[in-house]
Protein backbone atom coordinates (compact mmCIF):
# COMPACT_ATOMS: atom_id res chain seq x y z
CA MET A 1 33.44 -11.73 4.90
CA ALA A 2 31.57 -9.75 7.46
CA VAL A 3 27.68 -9.76 6.39
CA MET A 4 25.97 -6.45 6.01
CA THR A 5 22.17 -6.64 6.73
CA GLY A 6 19.14 -4.72 7.62
CA LEU A 7 17.60 -6.82 9.23
CA SER A 8 16.85 -6.69 13.12
CA GLY A 9 17.45 -9.38 15.56
CA ASN A 10 13.70 -10.37 15.90
CA GLU A 11 13.88 -10.83 11.84
CA ILE A 12 17.22 -12.97 11.93
CA TYR A 13 15.33 -15.39 14.84
CA CYS A 14 12.16 -15.45 12.79
CA LEU A 15 13.80 -16.04 9.34
CA LYS A 16 15.97 -18.79 11.00
CA GLN A 17 12.89 -20.56 12.10
CA LYS A 18 12.13 -21.21 8.44
CA GLY A 19 15.48 -21.83 7.29
CA TYR A 20 17.09 -18.86 6.35
CA VAL A 21 20.44 -16.78 7.15
CA PRO A 22 21.01 -13.05 6.49
CA GLY A 23 22.91 -12.05 3.89
CA ASP A 24 24.31 -8.80 2.67
CA LEU A 25 21.74 -5.30 2.27
CA VAL A 26 21.01 -5.28 -1.43
CA ILE A 27 20.12 -1.83 -3.45
CA GLY A 28 19.13 -1.02 -7.20
CA ASN A 29 18.27 2.70 -8.79
CA SER A 30 17.46 4.46 -11.87
CA VAL A 31 17.39 8.31 -12.50
CA PHE A 32 15.06 9.69 -14.62
CA SER A 33 13.97 12.79 -16.74
CA MET A 34 10.57 13.57 -17.20
CA GLY A 35 11.70 15.44 -20.75
CA ILE A 36 10.14 18.33 -22.46
CA ILE A 37 7.97 16.23 -24.57
CA GLY A 38 6.51 14.08 -21.83
CA SER A 39 5.71 16.99 -20.05
CA ILE A 40 3.93 18.44 -22.66
CA GLY A 41 1.71 15.51 -23.53
CA SER A 42 1.05 15.02 -19.84
CA GLY A 43 -0.27 18.33 -19.06
CA LEU A 44 -2.47 18.00 -22.10
CA LYS A 45 -3.81 14.78 -21.03
CA THR A 46 -4.90 16.57 -17.77
CA LEU A 47 -7.39 18.44 -19.41
CA ALA A 48 -9.94 15.46 -19.46
CA GLY A 49 -9.02 14.41 -16.08
CA GLY A 50 -8.28 10.64 -14.81
CA GLU A 51 -5.22 8.64 -15.60
CA VAL A 52 -2.21 10.61 -17.35
CA GLU A 53 -0.71 7.10 -18.92
CA GLN A 54 2.14 8.83 -20.02
CA VAL A 55 3.37 9.41 -16.33
CA THR A 56 1.87 5.89 -15.12
CA SER A 57 3.88 4.31 -17.62
CA MET A 58 7.29 6.51 -16.99
CA ILE A 59 6.94 5.89 -13.05
CA HIS A 60 6.50 2.02 -13.75
CA GLU A 61 9.42 1.82 -16.17
CA GLY A 62 11.76 3.75 -13.37
CA ARG A 63 10.34 1.38 -10.50
CA GLU A 64 10.60 -1.99 -12.65
CA ALA A 65 14.63 -0.31 -13.27
CA SER A 66 15.39 0.02 -10.18
CA PHE A 67 13.99 -3.25 -8.73
CA GLN A 68 15.74 -5.41 -11.47
CA ARG A 69 19.07 -3.97 -10.51
CA MET A 70 18.34 -4.58 -7.01
CA MET A 71 17.78 -8.49 -8.18
CA GLY A 72 20.69 -8.45 -10.05
CA GLU A 73 22.78 -7.65 -7.22
CA ALA A 74 21.06 -10.21 -5.35
CA THR A 75 21.92 -12.65 -7.89
CA GLN A 76 25.56 -11.82 -7.80
CA ARG A 77 25.77 -12.58 -4.27
CA GLY A 78 24.02 -15.94 -4.52
CA GLY A 79 21.02 -15.27 -2.54
CA SER A 80 18.07 -17.75 -2.10
CA GLY A 81 15.83 -14.59 -1.53
CA ILE A 82 15.17 -10.71 -0.64
CA THR A 83 13.06 -9.72 1.85
CA GLY A 84 11.66 -6.09 3.14
CA VAL A 85 12.20 -4.92 0.10
CA SER A 86 11.29 -1.09 -0.68
CA ASN A 87 10.41 1.09 -3.83
CA GLU A 88 10.57 4.49 -3.21
CA LEU A 89 10.65 7.89 -5.64
CA ILE A 90 12.36 10.56 -4.80
CA MET A 91 12.46 13.81 -6.35
CA GLN A 92 16.81 14.81 -7.06
CA ALA A 93 17.33 18.26 -8.65
CA GLY A 94 14.36 18.32 -11.22
CA ASN A 95 14.85 14.46 -11.89
CA ILE A 96 13.62 11.54 -10.18
CA GLU A 97 15.61 8.96 -8.54
CA PHE A 98 13.67 5.38 -8.04
CA LEU A 99 15.53 3.49 -5.51
CA SER A 100 14.84 -0.13 -4.89
CA VAL A 101 16.26 -1.56 -1.06
CA GLY A 102 15.76 -5.18 0.50
CA SER A 103 18.24 -7.42 2.35
CA CYS A 104 19.53 -10.65 1.10
CA LEU A 105 18.90 -14.25 2.52
CA HIS A 106 20.84 -17.88 2.24
CA ARG A 107 19.87 -21.04 3.35
CA ASP A 108 20.90 -21.78 6.62
CA ASP A 109 22.80 -25.30 5.29
CA GLY A 110 24.69 -23.35 3.22
CA GLN A 111 23.31 -25.24 0.23
CA ALA A 112 23.38 -23.14 -2.95
CA GLU A 113 20.66 -22.33 -4.75
CA LYS A 114 19.22 -19.63 -7.63
CA LEU A 115 17.35 -16.63 -6.08
CA GLN A 116 13.89 -18.18 -5.20
CA PHE A 117 11.77 -15.35 -4.25
CA SER A 118 11.30 -11.42 -3.25
CA SER A 119 9.27 -9.88 -0.87
CA SER A 120 7.93 -6.55 0.38
CA ALA A 121 7.35 -8.20 4.19
CA ASP A 122 10.14 -7.76 6.34
CA GLY A 123 11.50 -10.84 8.26
CA GLN A 124 8.73 -10.98 11.12
CA GLU A 125 5.97 -10.30 8.60
CA LEU A 126 7.78 -13.12 6.22
CA TYR A 127 7.74 -15.91 9.04
CA CYS A 128 3.94 -15.26 9.46
CA GLN A 129 3.41 -15.50 5.93
CA MET A 130 5.29 -18.87 5.55
CA ASP A 131 3.59 -19.89 8.74
CA SER A 132 0.00 -19.44 7.05
CA GLY A 133 0.93 -21.41 4.50
CA PHE A 134 1.80 -18.78 2.13
CA HIS A 135 5.04 -19.25 -0.48
CA PRO A 136 6.18 -16.04 -1.57
CA SER A 137 7.37 -15.42 -4.80
CA HIS A 138 7.78 -12.20 -5.96
CA PHE A 139 7.81 -8.28 -5.02
CA VAL A 140 4.75 -7.02 -7.05
CA PHE A 141 3.31 -3.66 -7.35
CA GLY A 142 0.63 -1.57 -9.48
CA ASN A 143 0.49 2.13 -9.94
CA VAL A 144 -1.23 5.16 -11.55
CA ALA A 145 -0.82 8.60 -12.04
CA TYR A 146 -3.93 10.30 -12.68
CA SER A 147 -5.60 14.29 -12.38
CA ILE A 148 -8.71 15.40 -11.30
CA GLY A 149 -8.36 17.37 -14.65
CA VAL A 150 -10.07 20.60 -16.09
CA GLY A 151 -12.99 18.90 -17.76
CA GLY A 152 -14.02 16.18 -14.37
CA GLY A 153 -12.95 19.90 -12.53
CA LEU A 154 -15.58 21.92 -14.19
CA GLY A 155 -18.48 19.53 -13.96
CA GLY A 156 -17.55 18.79 -10.44
CA ALA A 157 -17.26 22.40 -9.70
CA LEU A 158 -20.84 23.14 -10.74
CA ARG A 159 -22.00 20.21 -8.43
CA SER A 160 -20.33 21.32 -5.39
CA LEU A 161 -22.52 24.37 -5.96
CA SER A 162 -25.12 22.33 -3.65
CA ARG A 163 -24.38 20.20 -1.39
CA GLY A 164 -24.03 16.20 -1.72
CA GLU A 165 -21.99 13.96 -3.58
CA VAL A 166 -20.06 14.85 -6.40
CA VAL A 167 -20.27 12.08 -8.66
CA GLU A 168 -17.61 13.25 -11.19
CA TYR A 169 -14.93 13.37 -8.40
CA SER A 170 -16.14 10.05 -6.64
CA ASN A 171 -15.92 8.25 -9.91
CA VAL A 172 -11.74 9.45 -10.25
CA PHE A 173 -10.95 8.50 -7.41
CA ASN A 174 -13.04 5.02 -7.33
CA GLN A 175 -11.90 4.25 -10.90
CA THR A 176 -7.95 5.11 -10.00
CA ARG A 177 -7.97 3.10 -7.09
CA SER A 178 -9.22 -0.06 -8.90
CA LEU A 179 -6.84 0.35 -11.31
CA ALA A 180 -3.77 -0.10 -9.08
CA LEU A 181 -5.49 -3.00 -7.60
CA GLN A 182 -6.15 -4.48 -11.18
CA ARG A 183 -2.52 -3.92 -11.84
CA ILE A 184 -0.67 -5.55 -8.63
CA SER A 185 -2.83 -8.71 -9.55
CA GLN A 186 -1.97 -8.49 -12.88
CA ASP A 187 1.51 -8.60 -12.37
CA ALA A 188 1.21 -11.70 -9.35
CA MET A 189 -0.15 -13.80 -12.23
CA ARG A 190 2.86 -13.23 -14.33
CA TYR A 191 5.02 -15.10 -11.65
CA GLY A 192 1.88 -18.06 -11.43
CA ALA A 193 0.88 -16.44 -8.03
CA ASN A 194 -2.69 -16.77 -6.91
CA ALA A 195 -2.61 -14.03 -4.12
CA VAL A 196 -1.20 -10.53 -3.07
CA VAL A 197 -0.65 -10.40 0.51
CA GLY A 198 0.47 -7.31 2.53
CA ILE A 199 -0.69 -5.23 0.25
CA GLU A 200 0.14 -1.50 1.43
CA THR A 201 -1.08 1.32 -0.50
CA SER A 202 0.62 5.01 -0.60
CA ILE A 203 -0.49 8.30 -2.73
CA ILE A 204 2.30 10.39 -3.73
CA PRO A 205 2.12 13.72 -4.77
CA PHE A 206 3.87 14.20 -8.26
CA GLN A 207 4.39 17.15 -10.84
CA GLY A 208 0.75 18.55 -10.22
CA MET A 209 -0.82 14.96 -10.22
CA GLN A 210 -0.93 12.30 -7.93
CA GLU A 211 -0.09 8.82 -7.99
CA MET A 212 -1.59 6.09 -6.15
CA VAL A 213 1.12 2.87 -5.76
CA MET A 214 0.21 -0.44 -4.00
CA ILE A 215 3.47 -2.88 -3.18
CA GLY A 216 2.66 -6.71 -1.89
CA THR A 217 3.88 -10.11 -1.83
CA ALA A 218 2.60 -12.27 -4.76
CA ALA A 219 2.37 -15.70 -3.14
CA THR A 220 0.82 -19.34 -3.61
CA HIS A 221 -1.13 -21.10 -1.03
CA SER A 222 -2.57 -24.59 -1.98
CA ALA A 223 -5.98 -24.22 -0.30
CA LEU A 224 -7.29 -21.99 -3.14
CA GLY A 225 -8.48 -23.52 -5.83
CA PRO A 226 -7.48 -23.21 -9.77
CA GLU A 227 -10.06 -19.91 -10.12
CA PHE A 228 -7.77 -17.90 -7.97
CA ASN A 229 -5.15 -18.27 -10.92
CA ASN A 230 -6.46 -15.86 -13.00
CA ASN A 231 -8.08 -13.86 -10.35
CA PRO A 232 -5.96 -13.97 -7.31
CA ILE A 233 -6.92 -12.84 -3.71
CA THR A 234 -5.67 -9.65 -2.46
CA SER A 235 -4.96 -8.45 1.33
CA ASP A 236 -4.08 -5.58 2.78
CA LEU A 237 -4.11 -7.01 6.51
CA THR A 238 -0.76 -7.07 7.89
CA ASN A 239 0.72 -10.45 7.75
CA GLN A 240 0.00 -11.08 11.46
CA GLU A 241 -3.43 -10.46 11.39
CA MET A 242 -3.73 -12.85 8.30
CA TRP A 243 -1.92 -15.51 10.29
CA ASN A 244 -4.54 -15.35 13.13
CA LEU A 245 -7.15 -15.54 10.83
CA ILE A 246 -6.04 -18.50 8.52
CA SER A 247 -5.29 -20.19 12.27
CA MET A 248 -9.37 -20.02 13.01
CA GLY A 249 -9.97 -20.69 9.40
CA TYR A 250 -10.60 -17.67 7.55
CA MET A 251 -8.78 -16.83 3.85
CA PRO A 252 -8.63 -13.30 2.80
CA LEU A 253 -10.40 -12.87 -0.65
CA ARG A 254 -9.98 -9.27 -1.51
CA LEU A 255 -8.77 -5.96 -0.81
CA ILE A 256 -11.94 -3.70 -1.40
CA LEU A 257 -12.60 -0.02 -0.99
CA GLY A 258 -15.33 3.10 -1.02
CA VAL A 259 -15.08 6.29 -2.26
CA SER A 260 -17.26 9.01 -1.54
CA VAL A 261 -16.51 12.78 -2.42
CA TYR A 262 -18.97 15.11 -1.18
CA SER A 263 -19.68 19.25 -1.17
CA LEU A 264 -21.05 21.22 1.26
CA GLY A 265 -22.42 23.38 -1.09
CA VAL A 266 -22.43 26.96 -1.07
CA ALA A 267 -25.33 27.67 1.32
CA GLY A 268 -24.18 24.91 3.53
CA GLY A 269 -20.50 26.39 3.60
CA ILE A 270 -21.87 29.83 4.16
CA SER A 271 -24.14 28.60 7.57
CA ALA A 272 -21.30 26.47 8.55
CA MET A 273 -18.94 29.33 8.62
CA LEU A 274 -21.41 31.55 10.58
CA LYS A 275 -22.40 28.90 13.09
CA GLY A 276 -18.35 28.52 13.51
CA PHE A 277 -18.54 31.94 15.47
CA SER A 278 -20.18 30.15 18.19
CA LYS A 279 -19.80 27.31 20.49
CA GLY A 280 -21.79 24.49 19.47
CA GLU A 281 -22.19 21.65 17.20
CA ILE A 282 -22.13 22.01 13.35
CA THR A 283 -24.89 20.17 11.85
CA GLU A 284 -24.12 21.05 8.28
CA LEU A 285 -20.69 19.30 8.86
CA SER A 286 -22.00 16.32 11.18
CA THR A 287 -24.41 15.48 8.71
CA LEU A 288 -22.04 15.70 5.37
CA ILE A 289 -19.64 13.73 7.06
CA TYR A 290 -21.87 10.77 8.27
CA GLU A 291 -23.62 10.65 4.77
CA ALA A 292 -20.14 10.32 3.02
CA ARG A 293 -19.24 7.68 5.48
CA GLU A 294 -22.05 5.73 5.04
CA LYS A 295 -22.02 6.04 1.05
CA ALA A 296 -18.42 4.72 1.07
CA ILE A 297 -19.85 2.01 3.52
CA ASP A 298 -22.39 0.64 1.07
CA LYS A 299 -19.85 0.74 -1.69
CA VAL A 300 -17.77 -1.72 0.56
CA LYS A 301 -21.16 -3.84 1.04
CA ASP A 302 -21.82 -3.85 -2.40
CA GLN A 303 -18.14 -5.06 -3.23
CA ALA A 304 -17.88 -7.63 -0.26
CA THR A 305 -21.30 -9.17 -1.67
CA GLN A 306 -20.24 -9.22 -5.22
CA CYS A 307 -17.00 -11.81 -4.04
CA GLY A 308 -19.01 -13.84 -1.42
CA ALA A 309 -17.27 -12.62 1.79
CA ASP A 310 -18.65 -13.59 4.85
CA ASP A 311 -17.06 -10.82 6.85
CA VAL A 312 -14.99 -7.51 5.95
CA VAL A 313 -12.10 -7.33 8.14
CA GLY A 314 -9.74 -4.52 9.19
CA LEU A 315 -12.30 -2.05 7.98
CA LYS A 316 -10.31 1.80 8.43
CA SER A 317 -11.72 5.02 7.42
CA TYR A 318 -9.64 8.03 6.07
CA VAL A 319 -11.11 11.71 5.47
CA TYR A 320 -9.28 14.10 3.08
CA GLN A 321 -9.44 18.22 2.78
CA LEU A 322 -9.81 18.34 -0.98
CA GLY A 323 -10.43 22.30 -0.97
CA GLY A 324 -13.22 24.16 -2.33
CA GLY A 325 -15.41 22.71 0.41
CA LEU A 326 -15.15 19.63 -0.96
CA ILE A 327 -14.43 15.88 1.44
CA GLU A 328 -12.85 12.73 0.23
CA PHE A 329 -14.21 9.74 2.42
CA MET A 330 -12.37 6.38 1.86
CA VAL A 331 -13.00 2.93 3.20
CA VAL A 332 -10.40 0.21 2.98
CA GLY A 333 -10.58 -3.30 4.23
CA THR A 334 -9.86 -7.11 3.36
CA ALA A 335 -12.87 -9.36 2.60
CA VAL A 336 -12.68 -12.85 4.28
CA LYS A 337 -14.52 -16.46 3.72
CA LYS A 338 -14.62 -19.43 6.00
CA MET A 339 -12.61 -22.16 4.49
CA SER A 340 -12.52 -25.87 5.41
CA GLY A 341 -8.93 -27.20 6.03
CA LEU A 342 -6.80 -24.13 6.92
CA LYS A 343 -4.25 -24.15 9.20
CA THR A 344 -1.13 -22.68 10.20
CA ALA A 345 2.11 -24.46 10.57
CA SER A 346 2.63 -23.35 14.06
CA PRO A 347 -0.06 -23.72 16.80
CA MET A 348 0.87 -20.51 18.06
CA LEU A 349 2.79 -17.44 16.91
CA ILE A 350 6.29 -16.73 18.31
CA ALA A 351 6.67 -13.97 20.52
CA GLN A 352 9.77 -12.37 18.03
CA ALA A 353 6.87 -12.01 15.19
CA ILE A 354 5.16 -9.74 16.84
CA ILE A 355 8.14 -7.77 19.04
CA SER A 356 8.28 -4.16 17.56
CA ASP A 357 12.20 -3.03 17.38
CA LYS A 358 13.18 0.03 19.07
CA ASP A 359 14.60 2.76 17.55
CA THR A 360 17.82 3.22 19.08
CA PHE A 361 19.08 6.43 17.02
CA ALA A 362 18.34 9.50 18.98
CA ASN A 363 18.28 13.33 17.46
CA THR A 364 21.39 14.89 18.72
CA ALA A 365 19.38 18.17 19.10
CA GLU A 366 16.53 16.86 20.85
CA VAL A 367 19.40 15.02 23.50
CA ALA A 368 20.62 18.66 24.01
CA ILE A 369 17.42 20.05 24.68
CA GLY A 370 16.88 17.29 27.40
CA THR A 371 20.04 17.76 28.85
CA ASN A 372 19.65 21.38 29.34
CA LEU A 373 16.19 21.01 30.88
CA ASN A 374 17.57 18.56 33.19
CA GLU A 375 20.20 20.55 34.32
CA GLN A 376 17.65 23.40 35.21
CA LYS A 377 15.75 21.45 37.08
CA ARG A 378 18.73 20.62 39.58
């Protein structure tokens, strides 16, 4: 029977180098209802701000249920592994559908074995992961549903009357992001892993709150000592980036982030608004964003020092308008350290591992518009 896979030609080629051939696409889903009681309890909890535990628990249960059903389907099909696992949350007419999708893999020697691993990495990334010396074991995730809350909002609102960091808001955002990272690490330890690699982070609006979810692959690396069994390394580097660092002798240590929420303040807001009517720099905004960036970077530096890192790589910054004159500045990166004896299995990364797949589906409306324009030119 023909195989129905979601893997591209590049992915199939890469996985063949590691002894795997494609199997069928596998899917698992679960539809949940918030329920009246859960909604009321969650609504009351948001008064205090911070994590809304009822919602975190419900979302976690739904994500886990859909994932386990996908795993069951892969087992039924005799899969050796699953690659490219996604774990989505979709609103369906007031209910929530949790959807997990992945591509089954089989040993290329035809030898049957039990399901050995599941990974969030696609075929190209999985090749880089394995070639870097990481042995994947399990798809893992950590999530937290949170609200700034009325309580935190009141304190923050008073502070936002003046210019500078609104500590109440900074604390809420730092705490929630730390919780998601702690939980993905705990999930990895359940499977005996000493690393979580290829972490991807999403922030999803949900029922007047937000869910922050991190997904990645729990793995083991022989170069990591026993101290990492209870404190796995975490990295949001792409697996291709990680391959390059490993080849140079650098091991990822920790995904680190710093968040700073700043307020322009009432007086500064009025001044900036008036200056906006004329051409030129708005000094109040320039200095505010600069200070917020420096504050967030300082938090990253402190974390890097605490974990004994040599450098922080892949540093990325994000600026969000929170409304009411508030700006969130977030800096994310991966702390790395030079370790002896690190090397990749292959001396060079193969081209198929870095080639981007071309999207060959064209929107028919766009095609029609393009055709009309070409006819007019003739």
